[in-house]
Amino acid sequence: MGWSQGAGLSVQDRIKSDQRILGESEFAMNVLLESEGQFLMKYRLKTLKYDYEKVLARVSNLFHLEKDCITGKGRQRDRVMARDLLCRWSAAELGMSMVDLARKFDLTHAAVSCAVHRGEKMAKAMDYYLEPSDI
């Protein structure tokens, strides 16, 4: 049994192989569609010239806090919430690494990971979007 035998597989046999690896075809399509959606969102943000500073400005406006207050040390509730959202949007929407964010905030990678998770929950609960509705 070598590679040459595998080359003669029918399309149906290949689909069965894919299902063993990825699950049902519907699942694989959903993953691909979600991935495409994330790519399109990152591309859209890039065309709108979104970067870390612009995201920071958006969070600053949402929470009515100075930028230095958000990025500085402190555990006040409003500062932490703003920082969580900033971490979430920077990591998920802009694609910044959590290591880079940890350096920016002088936090551990684990702390940034928790902040991203809390920021995601908050964004969903409060219906926050990176792009204001007027864009």
N, C-alpha and C. Protein backbone atom coordinates (compact mmCIF):
# COMPACT_ATOMS: atom_id res chain seq x y z
N MET A 1 0.84 -1.18 0.00
CA MET A 1 0.00 0.00 0.00
C MET A 1 0.88 1.24 0.00
N GLY A 2 0.99 1.84 -1.10
CA GLY A 2 1.78 3.06 -1.19
C GLY A 2 0.91 4.24 -1.55
N TRP A 3 1.56 5.32 -1.84
CA TRP A 3 0.86 6.55 -2.21
C TRP A 3 0.10 6.39 -3.52
N SER A 4 0.60 5.55 -4.39
CA SER A 4 -0.04 5.41 -5.70
C SER A 4 -1.46 4.88 -5.59
N GLN A 5 -1.72 4.02 -4.60
CA GLN A 5 -3.07 3.51 -4.43
C GLN A 5 -4.03 4.61 -3.98
N GLY A 6 -3.57 5.53 -3.13
CA GLY A 6 -4.40 6.61 -2.63
C GLY A 6 -4.80 7.59 -3.72
N ALA A 7 -3.99 7.63 -4.79
CA ALA A 7 -4.29 8.57 -5.86
C ALA A 7 -5.55 8.18 -6.62
N GLY A 8 -5.97 6.92 -6.53
CA GLY A 8 -7.14 6.46 -7.26
C GLY A 8 -8.42 6.55 -6.46
N LEU A 9 -8.42 7.29 -5.34
CA LEU A 9 -9.62 7.42 -4.52
C LEU A 9 -10.69 8.21 -5.25
N SER A 10 -11.92 7.81 -5.05
CA SER A 10 -13.02 8.56 -5.66
C SER A 10 -13.30 9.80 -4.82
N VAL A 11 -14.09 10.70 -5.37
CA VAL A 11 -14.47 11.91 -4.67
C VAL A 11 -15.19 11.57 -3.37
N GLN A 12 -16.06 10.58 -3.42
CA GLN A 12 -16.82 10.18 -2.23
C GLN A 12 -15.87 9.68 -1.14
N ASP A 13 -14.82 8.92 -1.52
CA ASP A 13 -13.84 8.45 -0.54
C ASP A 13 -13.09 9.61 0.08
N ARG A 14 -12.77 10.63 -0.71
CA ARG A 14 -12.06 11.79 -0.19
C ARG A 14 -12.94 12.57 0.79
N ILE A 15 -14.22 12.70 0.49
CA ILE A 15 -15.14 13.40 1.39
C ILE A 15 -15.21 12.66 2.71
N LYS A 16 -15.26 11.32 2.67
CA LYS A 16 -15.27 10.54 3.90
C LYS A 16 -14.02 10.80 4.71
N SER A 17 -12.88 10.89 4.05
CA SER A 17 -11.63 11.18 4.75
C SER A 17 -11.70 12.54 5.42
N ASP A 18 -12.20 13.53 4.70
CA ASP A 18 -12.33 14.87 5.26
C ASP A 18 -13.26 14.86 6.47
N GLN A 19 -14.33 14.10 6.41
CA GLN A 19 -15.27 14.06 7.52
C GLN A 19 -14.61 13.47 8.76
N ARG A 20 -13.71 12.53 8.57
CA ARG A 20 -13.03 11.96 9.72
C ARG A 20 -12.11 12.98 10.36
N ILE A 21 -11.56 13.87 9.59
CA ILE A 21 -10.64 14.87 10.11
C ILE A 21 -11.39 16.09 10.62
N LEU A 22 -12.29 16.63 9.81
CA LEU A 22 -12.96 17.89 10.12
C LEU A 22 -14.38 17.74 10.64
N GLY A 23 -14.93 16.56 10.58
CA GLY A 23 -16.32 16.40 10.96
C GLY A 23 -17.20 16.53 9.74
N GLU A 24 -18.44 16.86 9.96
CA GLU A 24 -19.39 16.99 8.86
C GLU A 24 -18.98 18.13 7.93
N SER A 25 -19.35 17.99 6.67
CA SER A 25 -19.02 19.01 5.67
C SER A 25 -19.61 20.37 6.06
N GLU A 26 -20.79 20.37 6.67
CA GLU A 26 -21.42 21.62 7.09
C GLU A 26 -20.54 22.34 8.11
N PHE A 27 -19.95 21.60 9.02
CA PHE A 27 -19.04 22.19 10.01
C PHE A 27 -17.86 22.85 9.33
N ALA A 28 -17.25 22.13 8.38
CA ALA A 28 -16.10 22.67 7.66
C ALA A 28 -16.47 23.95 6.91
N MET A 29 -17.64 23.97 6.29
CA MET A 29 -18.08 25.17 5.57
C MET A 29 -18.30 26.33 6.53
N ASN A 30 -18.88 26.06 7.70
CA ASN A 30 -19.09 27.11 8.69
C ASN A 30 -17.77 27.70 9.16
N VAL A 31 -16.78 26.86 9.37
CA VAL A 31 -15.45 27.33 9.78
C VAL A 31 -14.86 28.21 8.69
N LEU A 32 -14.96 27.78 7.46
CA LEU A 32 -14.42 28.57 6.35
C LEU A 32 -15.15 29.91 6.22
N LEU A 33 -16.46 29.92 6.36
CA LEU A 33 -17.22 31.17 6.27
C LEU A 33 -16.85 32.13 7.39
N GLU A 34 -16.69 31.60 8.60
CA GLU A 34 -16.30 32.45 9.73
C GLU A 34 -14.91 33.04 9.50
N SER A 35 -14.02 32.22 9.00
CA SER A 35 -12.66 32.67 8.71
C SER A 35 -12.68 33.78 7.65
N GLU A 36 -13.49 33.60 6.62
CA GLU A 36 -13.62 34.60 5.57
C GLU A 36 -14.18 35.91 6.14
N GLY A 37 -15.16 35.79 7.03
CA GLY A 37 -15.74 36.98 7.66
C GLY A 37 -14.72 37.75 8.48
N GLN A 38 -13.88 37.04 9.21
CA GLN A 38 -12.84 37.68 10.01
C GLN A 38 -11.83 38.36 9.09
N PHE A 39 -11.47 37.70 8.00
CA PHE A 39 -10.53 38.29 7.05
C PHE A 39 -11.10 39.58 6.46
N LEU A 40 -12.37 39.55 6.06
CA LEU A 40 -13.00 40.73 5.46
C LEU A 40 -13.07 41.88 6.46
N MET A 41 -13.35 41.56 7.74
CA MET A 41 -13.41 42.60 8.77
C MET A 41 -12.04 43.24 8.97
N LYS A 42 -11.00 42.42 9.03
CA LYS A 42 -9.64 42.97 9.19
C LYS A 42 -9.26 43.82 7.99
N TYR A 43 -9.64 43.39 6.80
CA TYR A 43 -9.36 44.15 5.59
C TYR A 43 -10.10 45.49 5.62
N ARG A 44 -11.37 45.46 6.04
CA ARG A 44 -12.17 46.68 6.12
C ARG A 44 -11.55 47.66 7.12
N LEU A 45 -11.15 47.15 8.27
CA LEU A 45 -10.53 48.01 9.28
C LEU A 45 -9.22 48.60 8.76
N LYS A 46 -8.48 47.80 8.00
CA LYS A 46 -7.22 48.30 7.44
C LYS A 46 -7.49 49.42 6.44
N THR A 47 -8.53 49.28 5.60
CA THR A 47 -8.85 50.32 4.63
C THR A 47 -9.33 51.60 5.33
N LEU A 48 -9.94 51.44 6.51
CA LEU A 48 -10.36 52.60 7.29
C LEU A 48 -9.23 53.15 8.16
N LYS A 49 -8.03 52.58 7.97
CA LYS A 49 -6.81 53.00 8.67
C LYS A 49 -6.89 52.81 10.19
N TYR A 50 -7.56 51.73 10.60
CA TYR A 50 -7.61 51.41 12.02
C TYR A 50 -6.27 50.82 12.44
N ASP A 51 -5.74 51.34 13.52
CA ASP A 51 -4.56 50.78 14.14
C ASP A 51 -4.77 50.86 15.66
N TYR A 52 -3.76 50.52 16.42
CA TYR A 52 -3.89 50.51 17.87
C TYR A 52 -4.34 51.87 18.40
N GLU A 53 -3.76 52.93 17.89
CA GLU A 53 -4.09 54.28 18.38
C GLU A 53 -5.55 54.65 18.09
N LYS A 54 -6.03 54.27 16.93
CA LYS A 54 -7.42 54.56 16.59
C LYS A 54 -8.38 53.74 17.46
N VAL A 55 -8.02 52.49 17.75
CA VAL A 55 -8.83 51.66 18.63
C VAL A 55 -8.82 52.25 20.04
N LEU A 56 -7.66 52.70 20.50
CA LEU A 56 -7.55 53.34 21.81
C LEU A 56 -8.44 54.58 21.88
N ALA A 57 -8.45 55.36 20.82
CA ALA A 57 -9.29 56.56 20.77
C ALA A 57 -10.77 56.18 20.83
N ARG A 58 -11.15 55.11 20.15
CA ARG A 58 -12.55 54.64 20.16
C ARG A 58 -12.96 54.21 21.57
N VAL A 59 -12.10 53.46 22.24
CA VAL A 59 -12.39 53.02 23.61
C VAL A 59 -12.44 54.22 24.54
N SER A 60 -11.54 55.16 24.36
CA SER A 60 -11.52 56.38 25.16
C SER A 60 -12.84 57.14 25.04
N ASN A 61 -13.36 57.24 23.82
CA ASN A 61 -14.64 57.92 23.59
C ASN A 61 -15.81 57.15 24.22
N LEU A 62 -15.79 55.83 24.08
CA LEU A 62 -16.87 55.01 24.64
C LEU A 62 -16.98 55.14 26.16
N PHE A 63 -15.82 55.14 26.82
CA PHE A 63 -15.80 55.14 28.28
C PHE A 63 -15.60 56.53 28.89
N HIS A 64 -15.41 57.53 28.05
CA HIS A 64 -15.18 58.90 28.51
C HIS A 64 -13.99 58.95 29.46
N LEU A 65 -12.91 58.30 29.04
CA LEU A 65 -11.67 58.26 29.82
C LEU A 65 -10.52 58.75 28.95
N GLU A 66 -9.54 59.38 29.59
CA GLU A 66 -8.33 59.77 28.89
C GLU A 66 -7.56 58.52 28.47
N LYS A 67 -6.86 58.61 27.37
CA LYS A 67 -6.10 57.46 26.87
C LYS A 67 -5.09 56.97 27.90
N ASP A 68 -4.39 57.91 28.56
CA ASP A 68 -3.40 57.53 29.56
C ASP A 68 -4.03 56.79 30.73
N CYS A 69 -5.24 57.14 31.04
CA CYS A 69 -5.96 56.48 32.13
C CYS A 69 -6.24 55.02 31.78
N ILE A 70 -6.55 54.75 30.53
CA ILE A 70 -6.86 53.39 30.09
C ILE A 70 -5.61 52.53 30.06
N THR A 71 -4.52 53.08 29.55
CA THR A 71 -3.30 52.29 29.37
C THR A 71 -2.43 52.26 30.62
N GLY A 72 -2.68 53.14 31.56
CA GLY A 72 -1.86 53.19 32.77
C GLY A 72 -2.24 52.13 33.79
N LYS A 73 -1.46 52.09 34.84
CA LYS A 73 -1.73 51.14 35.93
C LYS A 73 -2.98 51.57 36.67
N GLY A 74 -3.67 50.61 37.24
CA GLY A 74 -4.84 50.91 38.03
C GLY A 74 -5.88 49.83 37.88
N ARG A 75 -6.62 49.61 38.95
CA ARG A 75 -7.64 48.55 38.95
C ARG A 75 -9.05 49.09 39.17
N GLN A 76 -9.24 50.36 38.89
CA GLN A 76 -10.59 50.91 39.00
C GLN A 76 -11.46 50.26 37.93
N ARG A 77 -12.71 50.03 38.30
CA ARG A 77 -13.63 49.27 37.45
C ARG A 77 -13.71 49.82 36.03
N ASP A 78 -13.90 51.12 35.87
CA ASP A 78 -14.04 51.68 34.52
C ASP A 78 -12.75 51.54 33.71
N ARG A 79 -11.60 51.68 34.36
CA ARG A 79 -10.32 51.54 33.67
C ARG A 79 -10.12 50.10 33.21
N VAL A 80 -10.46 49.15 34.07
CA VAL A 80 -10.29 47.73 33.73
C VAL A 80 -11.21 47.35 32.59
N MET A 81 -12.45 47.81 32.64
CA MET A 81 -13.40 47.50 31.57
C MET A 81 -12.92 48.07 30.24
N ALA A 82 -12.44 49.30 30.26
CA ALA A 82 -11.94 49.92 29.04
C ALA A 82 -10.72 49.17 28.52
N ARG A 83 -9.82 48.79 29.41
CA ARG A 83 -8.62 48.04 29.02
C ARG A 83 -9.00 46.67 28.45
N ASP A 84 -10.00 46.03 29.05
CA ASP A 84 -10.46 44.73 28.55
C ASP A 84 -10.96 44.85 27.11
N LEU A 85 -11.75 45.86 26.85
CA LEU A 85 -12.29 46.06 25.51
C LEU A 85 -11.17 46.41 24.52
N LEU A 86 -10.23 47.23 24.96
CA LEU A 86 -9.09 47.58 24.13
C LEU A 86 -8.27 46.34 23.78
N CYS A 87 -8.05 45.48 24.75
CA CYS A 87 -7.32 44.24 24.49
C CYS A 87 -8.09 43.35 23.52
N ARG A 88 -9.38 43.24 23.71
CA ARG A 88 -10.22 42.40 22.85
C ARG A 88 -10.16 42.87 21.40
N TRP A 89 -10.41 44.16 21.20
CA TRP A 89 -10.43 44.68 19.84
C TRP A 89 -9.04 44.65 19.20
N SER A 90 -8.02 44.95 19.98
CA SER A 90 -6.66 44.95 19.43
C SER A 90 -6.24 43.55 19.00
N ALA A 91 -6.58 42.56 19.82
CA ALA A 91 -6.19 41.18 19.51
C ALA A 91 -7.07 40.58 18.42
N ALA A 92 -8.37 40.65 18.60
CA ALA A 92 -9.29 39.95 17.70
C ALA A 92 -9.52 40.69 16.39
N GLU A 93 -9.67 41.99 16.44
CA GLU A 93 -10.02 42.75 15.24
C GLU A 93 -8.78 43.20 14.46
N LEU A 94 -7.75 43.64 15.18
CA LEU A 94 -6.54 44.10 14.49
C LEU A 94 -5.52 42.99 14.28
N GLY A 95 -5.63 41.93 15.08
CA GLY A 95 -4.69 40.82 14.95
C GLY A 95 -3.40 41.02 15.71
N MET A 96 -3.38 41.94 16.68
CA MET A 96 -2.18 42.12 17.49
C MET A 96 -1.99 40.89 18.36
N SER A 97 -0.74 40.56 18.61
CA SER A 97 -0.48 39.40 19.46
C SER A 97 -0.67 39.78 20.93
N MET A 98 -1.05 38.79 21.71
CA MET A 98 -1.23 39.03 23.14
C MET A 98 0.09 39.33 23.82
N VAL A 99 1.18 38.84 23.26
CA VAL A 99 2.50 39.14 23.80
C VAL A 99 2.80 40.64 23.64
N ASP A 100 2.48 41.19 22.47
CA ASP A 100 2.68 42.63 22.25
C ASP A 100 1.80 43.46 23.19
N LEU A 101 0.57 43.03 23.38
CA LEU A 101 -0.32 43.74 24.29
C LEU A 101 0.19 43.64 25.73
N ALA A 102 0.70 42.48 26.11
CA ALA A 102 1.25 42.31 27.45
C ALA A 102 2.40 43.28 27.69
N ARG A 103 3.23 43.46 26.68
CA ARG A 103 4.34 44.42 26.80
C ARG A 103 3.82 45.86 26.92
N LYS A 104 2.81 46.19 26.11
CA LYS A 104 2.25 47.55 26.14
C LYS A 104 1.70 47.90 27.52
N PHE A 105 1.02 46.95 28.14
CA PHE A 105 0.36 47.21 29.42
C PHE A 105 1.17 46.74 30.62
N ASP A 106 2.34 46.19 30.37
CA ASP A 106 3.18 45.64 31.44
C ASP A 106 2.40 44.62 32.27
N LEU A 107 1.77 43.70 31.56
CA LEU A 107 0.99 42.62 32.16
C LEU A 107 1.55 41.28 31.70
N THR A 108 1.09 40.21 32.32
CA THR A 108 1.48 38.89 31.86
C THR A 108 0.62 38.50 30.66
N HIS A 109 1.09 37.53 29.92
CA HIS A 109 0.32 37.01 28.79
C HIS A 109 -1.02 36.47 29.28
N ALA A 110 -1.02 35.81 30.42
CA ALA A 110 -2.26 35.25 30.98
C ALA A 110 -3.25 36.35 31.34
N ALA A 111 -2.76 37.44 31.89
CA ALA A 111 -3.64 38.56 32.26
C ALA A 111 -4.27 39.18 31.01
N VAL A 112 -3.51 39.29 29.95
CA VAL A 112 -4.05 39.83 28.69
C VAL A 112 -5.08 38.87 28.11
N SER A 113 -4.80 37.58 28.18
CA SER A 113 -5.74 36.58 27.69
C SER A 113 -7.07 36.69 28.43
N CYS A 114 -7.01 36.84 29.74
CA CYS A 114 -8.24 37.02 30.54
C CYS A 114 -8.95 38.31 30.16
N ALA A 115 -8.18 39.38 29.93
CA ALA A 115 -8.76 40.67 29.55
C ALA A 115 -9.48 40.55 28.21
N VAL A 116 -8.88 39.84 27.27
CA VAL A 116 -9.51 39.64 25.95
C VAL A 116 -10.83 38.89 26.13
N HIS A 117 -10.82 37.87 26.96
CA HIS A 117 -12.04 37.09 27.19
C HIS A 117 -13.12 37.95 27.84
N ARG A 118 -12.76 38.73 28.86
CA ARG A 118 -13.73 39.62 29.52
C ARG A 118 -14.22 40.68 28.54
N GLY A 119 -13.32 41.20 27.71
CA GLY A 119 -13.69 42.21 26.72
C GLY A 119 -14.67 41.68 25.70
N GLU A 120 -14.51 40.41 25.33
CA GLU A 120 -15.44 39.79 24.38
C GLU A 120 -16.83 39.68 24.99
N LYS A 121 -16.89 39.23 26.24
CA LYS A 121 -18.18 39.11 26.93
C LYS A 121 -18.85 40.48 27.05
N MET A 122 -18.07 41.48 27.41
CA MET A 122 -18.62 42.83 27.59
C MET A 122 -19.12 43.39 26.27
N ALA A 123 -18.35 43.22 25.21
CA ALA A 123 -18.74 43.75 23.90
C ALA A 123 -20.08 43.15 23.46
N LYS A 124 -20.26 41.86 23.71
CA LYS A 124 -21.52 41.21 23.36
C LYS A 124 -22.66 41.70 24.25
N ALA A 125 -22.41 41.77 25.54
CA ALA A 125 -23.45 42.16 26.49
C ALA A 125 -23.87 43.62 26.31
N MET A 126 -22.92 44.49 26.03
CA MET A 126 -23.20 45.92 25.92
C MET A 126 -23.43 46.35 24.47
N ASP A 127 -23.31 45.41 23.53
CA ASP A 127 -23.50 45.69 22.11
C ASP A 127 -22.51 46.74 21.61
N TYR A 128 -21.24 46.59 22.00
CA TYR A 128 -20.17 47.49 21.56
C TYR A 128 -19.56 46.95 20.27
N TYR A 129 -19.32 47.85 19.35
CA TYR A 129 -18.66 47.51 18.10
C TYR A 129 -17.49 48.44 17.90
N LEU A 130 -16.44 47.92 17.28
CA LEU A 130 -15.26 48.75 17.04
C LEU A 130 -15.61 49.92 16.14
N GLU A 131 -16.37 49.65 15.10
CA GLU A 131 -16.74 50.73 14.20
C GLU A 131 -18.02 51.39 14.71
N PRO A 132 -17.99 52.70 14.92
CA PRO A 132 -19.24 53.37 15.29
C PRO A 132 -20.24 53.23 14.15
N SER A 133 -21.52 53.28 14.47
CA SER A 133 -22.55 53.07 13.45
C SER A 133 -22.59 54.16 12.39
N ASP A 134 -21.95 55.29 12.62
CA ASP A 134 -22.00 56.38 11.64
C ASP A 134 -20.94 56.25 10.55
N ILE A 135 -20.13 55.19 10.58
CA ILE A 135 -19.10 55.01 9.52
C ILE A 135 -19.74 54.33 8.34
